[in-house]
Structure formats: structure tokens, C-alpha cells
Amino acid sequence: MRQRAGGVYYEFRIRGLLGETLLGAFPGLHADVQGGETVLAGSLADQSALHGVLAQIALLGLELLDLHRKRS
């Protein structure tokens, strides 16, 4: 597994383009726009952090299109 800062690297593909306010809800993840989608990516420390990001996506009413745990 590719690990950074003691965690596992994930990519979350979300429908639509997220503005600065929404991106601020995901500290520690970087964003990349690909077509009409936003990819949030970064290292998460553990399963609890992963579930926290997923809960934040749901809370904000965002549509999660895909989630990948990246391998090296």
C-alpha cells in the first residue's frame, strides 16, 4: 500500500465542481477537477478517518461516484 504520513492514500470522486467553501470541509485532502467531477485525495490515518470523510460527504449532500484505496 502507498502510505503517507502514517495513513493509507484514498481518492474520492464526487459529482460536480466543489467551491472553496465545500473544499474547506475536507482539510488534509487535496482537490483536482476532472471534467465535471472533483477528486479529493490524500492520506487518512485509519478507518475512523475514512468514515469521517464519508459522513461529511453525505452530510453536505454530495454525490460520491467512486472511492479508491490506492496501491503503490
PDB file of N, CA and C in Angstrom:
ATOM      1  N   MET A   1       0.827  -1.182   0.000  1.00  0.00           N
ATOM      2  CA  MET A   1       0.000   0.000   0.000  1.00  0.00           C
ATOM      3  C   MET A   1       0.873   1.248   0.000  1.00  0.00           C
ATOM      4  N   ARG A   2       0.440   2.248  -0.737  1.00  0.00           N
ATOM      5  CA  ARG A   2       1.139   3.524  -0.690  1.00  0.00           C
ATOM      6  C   ARG A   2       0.649   4.268   0.542  1.00  0.00           C
ATOM      7  N   GLN A   3       1.548   4.550   1.449  1.00  0.00           N
ATOM      8  CA  GLN A   3       1.166   5.225   2.677  1.00  0.00           C
ATOM      9  C   GLN A   3       1.891   6.547   2.781  1.00  0.00           C
ATOM     10  N   ARG A   4       1.179   7.531   3.298  1.00  0.00           N
ATOM     11  CA  ARG A   4       1.759   8.849   3.534  1.00  0.00           C
ATOM     12  C   ARG A   4       1.349   9.286   4.921  1.00  0.00           C
ATOM     13  N   ALA A   5       2.277   9.874   5.634  1.00  0.00           N
ATOM     14  CA  ALA A   5       2.014  10.411   6.972  1.00  0.00           C
ATOM     15  C   ALA A   5       1.323   9.384   7.871  1.00  0.00           C
ATOM     16  N   GLY A   6       1.722   8.122   7.752  1.00  0.00           N
ATOM     17  CA  GLY A   6       1.196   7.093   8.621  1.00  0.00           C
ATOM     18  C   GLY A   6      -0.188   6.608   8.273  1.00  0.00           C
ATOM     19  N   GLY A   7      -0.683   6.937   7.096  1.00  0.00           N
ATOM     20  CA  GLY A   7      -2.033   6.525   6.727  1.00  0.00           C
ATOM     21  C   GLY A   7      -2.064   5.833   5.390  1.00  0.00           C
ATOM     22  N   VAL A   8      -3.262   5.633   4.900  1.00  0.00           N
ATOM     23  CA  VAL A   8      -3.488   4.999   3.603  1.00  0.00           C
ATOM     24  C   VAL A   8      -4.032   6.054   2.650  1.00  0.00           C
ATOM     25  N   TYR A   9      -3.592   6.031   1.406  1.00  0.00           N
ATOM     26  CA  TYR A   9      -3.965   7.030   0.407  1.00  0.00           C
ATOM     27  C   TYR A   9      -5.287   6.645  -0.263  1.00  0.00           C
ATOM     28  N   TYR A  10      -6.226   7.593  -0.265  1.00  0.00           N
ATOM     29  CA  TYR A  10      -7.551   7.378  -0.857  1.00  0.00           C
ATOM     30  C   TYR A  10      -7.859   8.459  -1.876  1.00  0.00           C
ATOM     31  N   GLU A  11      -8.715   8.107  -2.847  1.00  0.00           N
ATOM     32  CA  GLU A  11      -9.276   9.071  -3.785  1.00  0.00           C
ATOM     33  C   GLU A  11     -10.797   8.947  -3.762  1.00  0.00           C
ATOM     34  N   PHE A  12     -11.465  10.083  -3.588  1.00  0.00           N
ATOM     35  CA  PHE A  12     -12.920  10.171  -3.567  1.00  0.00           C
ATOM     36  C   PHE A  12     -13.349  10.966  -4.798  1.00  0.00           C
ATOM     37  N   ARG A  13     -14.138  10.384  -5.675  1.00  0.00           N
ATOM     38  CA  ARG A  13     -14.629  11.084  -6.872  1.00  0.00           C
ATOM     39  C   ARG A  13     -16.055  11.542  -6.582  1.00  0.00           C
ATOM     40  N   ILE A  14     -16.268  12.857  -6.682  1.00  0.00           N
ATOM     41  CA  ILE A  14     -17.548  13.472  -6.347  1.00  0.00           C
ATOM     42  C   ILE A  14     -18.102  14.184  -7.573  1.00  0.00           C
ATOM     43  N   ARG A  15     -19.418  14.021  -7.800  1.00  0.00           N
ATOM     44  CA  ARG A  15     -20.063  14.688  -8.936  1.00  0.00           C
ATOM     45  C   ARG A  15     -20.074  16.205  -8.699  1.00  0.00           C
ATOM     46  N   GLY A  16     -19.694  16.940  -9.728  1.00  0.00           N
ATOM     47  CA  GLY A  16     -19.750  18.400  -9.674  1.00  0.00           C
ATOM     48  C   GLY A  16     -18.429  19.022  -9.266  1.00  0.00           C
ATOM     49  N   LEU A  17     -18.405  20.329  -9.385  1.00  0.00           N
ATOM     50  CA  LEU A  17     -17.224  21.109  -9.025  1.00  0.00           C
ATOM     51  C   LEU A  17     -17.453  21.730  -7.658  1.00  0.00           C
ATOM     52  N   LEU A  18     -16.592  21.437  -6.718  1.00  0.00           N
ATOM     53  CA  LEU A  18     -16.729  21.959  -5.367  1.00  0.00           C
ATOM     54  C   LEU A  18     -16.038  23.309  -5.257  1.00  0.00           C
ATOM     55  N   GLY A  19     -16.737  24.259  -4.679  1.00  0.00           N
ATOM     56  CA  GLY A  19     -16.153  25.576  -4.435  1.00  0.00           C
ATOM     57  C   GLY A  19     -15.267  25.568  -3.200  1.00  0.00           C
ATOM     58  N   GLU A  20     -14.660  26.712  -2.940  1.00  0.00           N
ATOM     59  CA  GLU A  20     -13.724  26.825  -1.809  1.00  0.00           C
ATOM     60  C   GLU A  20     -14.384  26.505  -0.473  1.00  0.00           C
ATOM     61  N   THR A  21     -15.636  26.913  -0.298  1.00  0.00           N
ATOM     62  CA  THR A  21     -16.325  26.658   0.973  1.00  0.00           C
ATOM     63  C   THR A  21     -16.472  25.162   1.216  1.00  0.00           C
ATOM     64  N   LEU A  22     -16.947  24.431   0.201  1.00  0.00           N
ATOM     65  CA  LEU A  22     -17.091  22.984   0.360  1.00  0.00           C
ATOM     66  C   LEU A  22     -15.743  22.297   0.501  1.00  0.00           C
ATOM     67  N   LEU A  23     -14.760  22.737  -0.243  1.00  0.00           N
ATOM     68  CA  LEU A  23     -13.424  22.126  -0.130  1.00  0.00           C
ATOM     69  C   LEU A  23     -12.853  22.317   1.270  1.00  0.00           C
ATOM     70  N   GLY A  24     -13.227  23.416   1.919  1.00  0.00           N
ATOM     71  CA  GLY A  24     -12.773  23.674   3.280  1.00  0.00           C
ATOM     72  C   GLY A  24     -13.271  22.652   4.289  1.00  0.00           C
ATOM     73  N   ALA A  25     -14.291  21.894   3.915  1.00  0.00           N
ATOM     74  CA  ALA A  25     -14.830  20.858   4.798  1.00  0.00           C
ATOM     75  C   ALA A  25     -13.971  19.600   4.799  1.00  0.00           C
ATOM     76  N   PHE A  26     -12.939  19.583   3.948  1.00  0.00           N
ATOM     77  CA  PHE A  26     -12.094  18.392   3.824  1.00  0.00           C
ATOM     78  C   PHE A  26     -10.618  18.757   4.010  1.00  0.00           C
ATOM     79  N   PRO A  27     -10.248  19.227   5.203  1.00  0.00           N
ATOM     80  CA  PRO A  27      -8.847  19.586   5.434  1.00  0.00           C
ATOM     81  C   PRO A  27      -7.951  18.349   5.308  1.00  0.00           C
ATOM     82  N   GLY A  28      -6.797  18.547   4.764  1.00  0.00           N
ATOM     83  CA  GLY A  28      -5.863  17.432   4.609  1.00  0.00           C
ATOM     84  C   GLY A  28      -6.013  16.685   3.301  1.00  0.00           C
ATOM     85  N   LEU A  29      -7.086  16.943   2.560  1.00  0.00           N
ATOM     86  CA  LEU A  29      -7.258  16.330   1.245  1.00  0.00           C
ATOM     87  C   LEU A  29      -7.039  17.396   0.185  1.00  0.00           C
ATOM     88  N   HIS A  30      -6.422  17.022  -0.908  1.00  0.00           N
ATOM     89  CA  HIS A  30      -6.264  17.977  -1.996  1.00  0.00           C
ATOM     90  C   HIS A  30      -7.286  17.662  -3.083  1.00  0.00           C
ATOM     91  N   ALA A  31      -7.649  18.684  -3.846  1.00  0.00           N
ATOM     92  CA  ALA A  31      -8.694  18.544  -4.855  1.00  0.00           C
ATOM     93  C   ALA A  31      -8.119  18.710  -6.249  1.00  0.00           C
ATOM     94  N   ASP A  32      -8.701  17.958  -7.177  1.00  0.00           N
ATOM     95  CA  ASP A  32      -8.356  18.046  -8.586  1.00  0.00           C
ATOM     96  C   ASP A  32      -9.661  17.957  -9.367  1.00  0.00           C
ATOM     97  N   VAL A  33      -9.830  18.825 -10.347  1.00  0.00           N
ATOM     98  CA  VAL A  33     -11.030  18.796 -11.182  1.00  0.00           C
ATOM     99  C   VAL A  33     -10.742  17.957 -12.415  1.00  0.00           C
ATOM    100  N   GLN A  34     -11.630  17.015 -12.689  1.00  0.00           N
ATOM    101  CA  GLN A  34     -11.509  16.154 -13.865  1.00  0.00           C
ATOM    102  C   GLN A  34     -12.862  16.134 -14.550  1.00  0.00           C
ATOM    103  N   GLY A  35     -12.965  16.883 -15.640  1.00  0.00           N
ATOM    104  CA  GLY A  35     -14.259  17.015 -16.314  1.00  0.00           C
ATOM    105  C   GLY A  35     -15.214  17.746 -15.402  1.00  0.00           C
ATOM    106  N   GLY A  36     -16.390  17.206 -15.199  1.00  0.00           N
ATOM    107  CA  GLY A  36     -17.380  17.806 -14.314  1.00  0.00           C
ATOM    108  C   GLY A  36     -17.375  17.197 -12.933  1.00  0.00           C
ATOM    109  N   GLU A  37     -16.254  16.634 -12.527  1.00  0.00           N
ATOM    110  CA  GLU A  37     -16.148  15.963 -11.238  1.00  0.00           C
ATOM    111  C   GLU A  37     -14.962  16.508 -10.444  1.00  0.00           C
ATOM    112  N   THR A  38     -15.053  16.355  -9.143  1.00  0.00           N
ATOM    113  CA  THR A  38     -13.962  16.738  -8.250  1.00  0.00           C
ATOM    114  C   THR A  38     -13.395  15.471  -7.621  1.00  0.00           C
ATOM    115  N   VAL A  39     -12.087  15.342  -7.653  1.00  0.00           N
ATOM    116  CA  VAL A  39     -11.414  14.224  -6.997  1.00  0.00           C
ATOM    117  C   VAL A  39     -10.691  14.773  -5.771  1.00  0.00           C
ATOM    118  N   LEU A  40     -11.110  14.283  -4.611  1.00  0.00           N
ATOM    119  CA  LEU A  40     -10.429  14.607  -3.361  1.00  0.00           C
ATOM    120  C   LEU A  40      -9.491  13.453  -3.054  1.00  0.00           C
ATOM    121  N   ALA A  41      -8.268  13.763  -2.689  1.00  0.00           N
ATOM    122  CA  ALA A  41      -7.289  12.700  -2.467  1.00  0.00           C
ATOM    123  C   ALA A  41      -6.364  13.059  -1.314  1.00  0.00           C
ATOM    124  N   GLY A  42      -5.907  12.019  -0.632  1.00  0.00           N
ATOM    125  CA  GLY A  42      -4.942  12.215   0.428  1.00  0.00           C
ATOM    126  C   GLY A  42      -4.883  11.016   1.345  1.00  0.00           C
ATOM    127  N   SER A  43      -3.993  11.105   2.303  1.00  0.00           N
ATOM    128  CA  SER A  43      -3.798  10.040   3.282  1.00  0.00           C
ATOM    129  C   SER A  43      -4.749  10.192   4.444  1.00  0.00           C
ATOM    130  N   LEU A  44      -5.302   9.080   4.881  1.00  0.00           N
ATOM    131  CA  LEU A  44      -6.147   9.056   6.069  1.00  0.00           C
ATOM    132  C   LEU A  44      -5.518   8.106   7.078  1.00  0.00           C
ATOM    133  N   ALA A  45      -5.561   8.495   8.327  1.00  0.00           N
ATOM    134  CA  ALA A  45      -4.846   7.757   9.369  1.00  0.00           C
ATOM    135  C   ALA A  45      -5.396   6.364   9.626  1.00  0.00           C
ATOM    136  N   ASP A  46      -6.730   6.222   9.546  1.00  0.00           N
ATOM    137  CA  ASP A  46      -7.331   4.937   9.911  1.00  0.00           C
ATOM    138  C   ASP A  46      -8.756   4.857   9.369  1.00  0.00           C
ATOM    139  N   GLN A  47      -9.440   3.748   9.682  1.00  0.00           N
ATOM    140  CA  GLN A  47     -10.809   3.539   9.219  1.00  0.00           C
ATOM    141  C   GLN A  47     -11.761   4.606   9.762  1.00  0.00           C
ATOM    142  N   SER A  48     -11.517   5.060  10.956  1.00  0.00           N
ATOM    143  CA  SER A  48     -12.357   6.094  11.550  1.00  0.00           C
ATOM    144  C   SER A  48     -12.289   7.380  10.734  1.00  0.00           C
ATOM    145  N   ALA A  49     -11.093   7.749  10.284  1.00  0.00           N
ATOM    146  CA  ALA A  49     -10.933   8.943   9.447  1.00  0.00           C
ATOM    147  C   ALA A  49     -11.636   8.761   8.111  1.00  0.00           C
ATOM    148  N   LEU A  50     -11.554   7.569   7.545  1.00  0.00           N
ATOM    149  CA  LEU A  50     -12.249   7.271   6.284  1.00  0.00           C
ATOM    150  C   LEU A  50     -13.760   7.454   6.466  1.00  0.00           C
ATOM    151  N   HIS A  51     -14.302   6.898   7.531  1.00  0.00           N
ATOM    152  CA  HIS A  51     -15.737   7.025   7.784  1.00  0.00           C
ATOM    153  C   HIS A  51     -16.124   8.472   8.053  1.00  0.00           C
ATOM    154  N   GLY A  52     -15.219   9.247   8.641  1.00  0.00           N
ATOM    155  CA  GLY A  52     -15.475  10.665   8.862  1.00  0.00           C
ATOM    156  C   GLY A  52     -15.619  11.425   7.550  1.00  0.00           C
ATOM    157  N   VAL A  53     -14.756  11.136   6.586  1.00  0.00           N
ATOM    158  CA  VAL A  53     -14.850  11.784   5.272  1.00  0.00           C
ATOM    159  C   VAL A  53     -16.142  11.369   4.581  1.00  0.00           C
ATOM    160  N   LEU A  54     -16.470  10.088   4.624  1.00  0.00           N
ATOM    161  CA  LEU A  54     -17.713   9.616   4.011  1.00  0.00           C
ATOM    162  C   LEU A  54     -18.938  10.266   4.653  1.00  0.00           C
ATOM    163  N   ALA A  55     -18.916  10.430   5.961  1.00  0.00           N
ATOM    164  CA  ALA A  55     -20.024  11.077   6.664  1.00  0.00           C
ATOM    165  C   ALA A  55     -20.136  12.547   6.262  1.00  0.00           C
ATOM    166  N   GLN A  56     -19.009  13.216   6.098  1.00  0.00           N
ATOM    167  CA  GLN A  56     -19.008  14.627   5.687  1.00  0.00           C
ATOM    168  C   GLN A  56     -19.582  14.774   4.280  1.00  0.00           C
ATOM    169  N   ILE A  57     -19.211  13.871   3.391  1.00  0.00           N
ATOM    170  CA  ILE A  57     -19.749  13.885   2.021  1.00  0.00           C
ATOM    171  C   ILE A  57     -21.272  13.754   2.071  1.00  0.00           C
ATOM    172  N   ALA A  58     -21.769  12.808   2.866  1.00  0.00           N
ATOM    173  CA  ALA A  58     -23.211  12.598   2.986  1.00  0.00           C
ATOM    174  C   ALA A  58     -23.893  13.805   3.626  1.00  0.00           C
ATOM    175  N   LEU A  59     -23.304  14.341   4.691  1.00  0.00           N
ATOM    176  CA  LEU A  59     -23.870  15.481   5.401  1.00  0.00           C
ATOM    177  C   LEU A  59     -24.039  16.687   4.483  1.00  0.00           C
ATOM    178  N   LEU A  60     -23.092  16.882   3.583  1.00  0.00           N
ATOM    179  CA  LEU A  60     -23.135  18.024   2.659  1.00  0.00           C
ATOM    180  C   LEU A  60     -24.008  17.759   1.439  1.00  0.00           C
ATOM    181  N   GLY A  61     -24.552  16.549   1.343  1.00  0.00           N
ATOM    182  CA  GLY A  61     -25.433  16.225   0.225  1.00  0.00           C
ATOM    183  C   GLY A  61     -24.708  16.039  -1.090  1.00  0.00           C
ATOM    184  N   LEU A  62     -23.423  15.676  -1.011  1.00  0.00           N
ATOM    185  CA  LEU A  62     -22.634  15.463  -2.220  1.00  0.00           C
ATOM    186  C   LEU A  62     -22.833  14.044  -2.733  1.00  0.00           C
ATOM    187  N   GLU A  63     -22.680  13.867  -4.025  1.00  0.00           N
ATOM    188  CA  GLU A  63     -22.841  12.537  -4.614  1.00  0.00           C
ATOM    189  C   GLU A  63     -21.472  11.900  -4.826  1.00  0.00           C
ATOM    190  N   LEU A  64     -21.191  10.857  -4.060  1.00  0.00           N
ATOM    191  CA  LEU A  64     -19.948  10.109  -4.194  1.00  0.00           C
ATOM    192  C   LEU A  64     -20.087   9.150  -5.368  1.00  0.00           C
ATOM    193  N   LEU A  65     -19.244   9.317  -6.365  1.00  0.00           N
ATOM    194  CA  LEU A  65     -19.290   8.475  -7.556  1.00  0.00           C
ATOM    195  C   LEU A  65     -18.376   7.272  -7.443  1.00  0.00           C
ATOM    196  N   ASP A  66     -17.251   7.446  -6.744  1.00  0.00           N
ATOM    197  CA  ASP A  66     -16.255   6.384  -6.701  1.00  0.00           C
ATOM    198  C   ASP A  66     -15.307   6.627  -5.529  1.00  0.00           C
ATOM    199  N   LEU A  67     -14.792   5.559  -4.978  1.00  0.00           N
ATOM    200  CA  LEU A  67     -13.804   5.621  -3.904  1.00  0.00           C
ATOM    201  C   LEU A  67     -12.751   4.580  -4.197  1.00  0.00           C
ATOM    202  N   HIS A  68     -11.497   4.998  -4.158  1.00  0.00           N
ATOM    203  CA  HIS A  68     -10.383   4.074  -4.392  1.00  0.00           C
ATOM    204  C   HIS A  68      -9.372   4.168  -3.280  1.00  0.00           C
ATOM    205  N   ARG A  69      -8.965   3.013  -2.803  1.00  0.00           N
ATOM    206  CA  ARG A  69      -7.797   2.925  -1.921  1.00  0.00           C
ATOM    207  C   ARG A  69      -6.639   2.643  -2.854  1.00  0.00           C
ATOM    208  N   LYS A  70      -5.700   3.562  -2.900  1.00  0.00           N
ATOM    209  CA  LYS A  70      -4.609   3.476  -3.884  1.00  0.00           C
ATOM    210  C   LYS A  70      -3.496   2.543  -3.408  1.00  0.00           C
ATOM    211  N   ARG A  71      -3.033   1.757  -4.345  1.00  0.00           N
ATOM    212  CA  ARG A  71      -1.887   0.864  -4.096  1.00  0.00           C
ATOM    213  C   ARG A  71      -0.652   1.451  -4.764  1.00  0.00           C
ATOM    214  N   SER A  72       0.495   1.139  -4.199  1.00  0.00           N
ATOM    215  CA  SER A  72       1.747   1.653  -4.776  1.00  0.00           C
ATOM    216  C   SER A  72       2.168   0.824  -5.976  1.00  0.00           C
TER     217      SER A  72
END
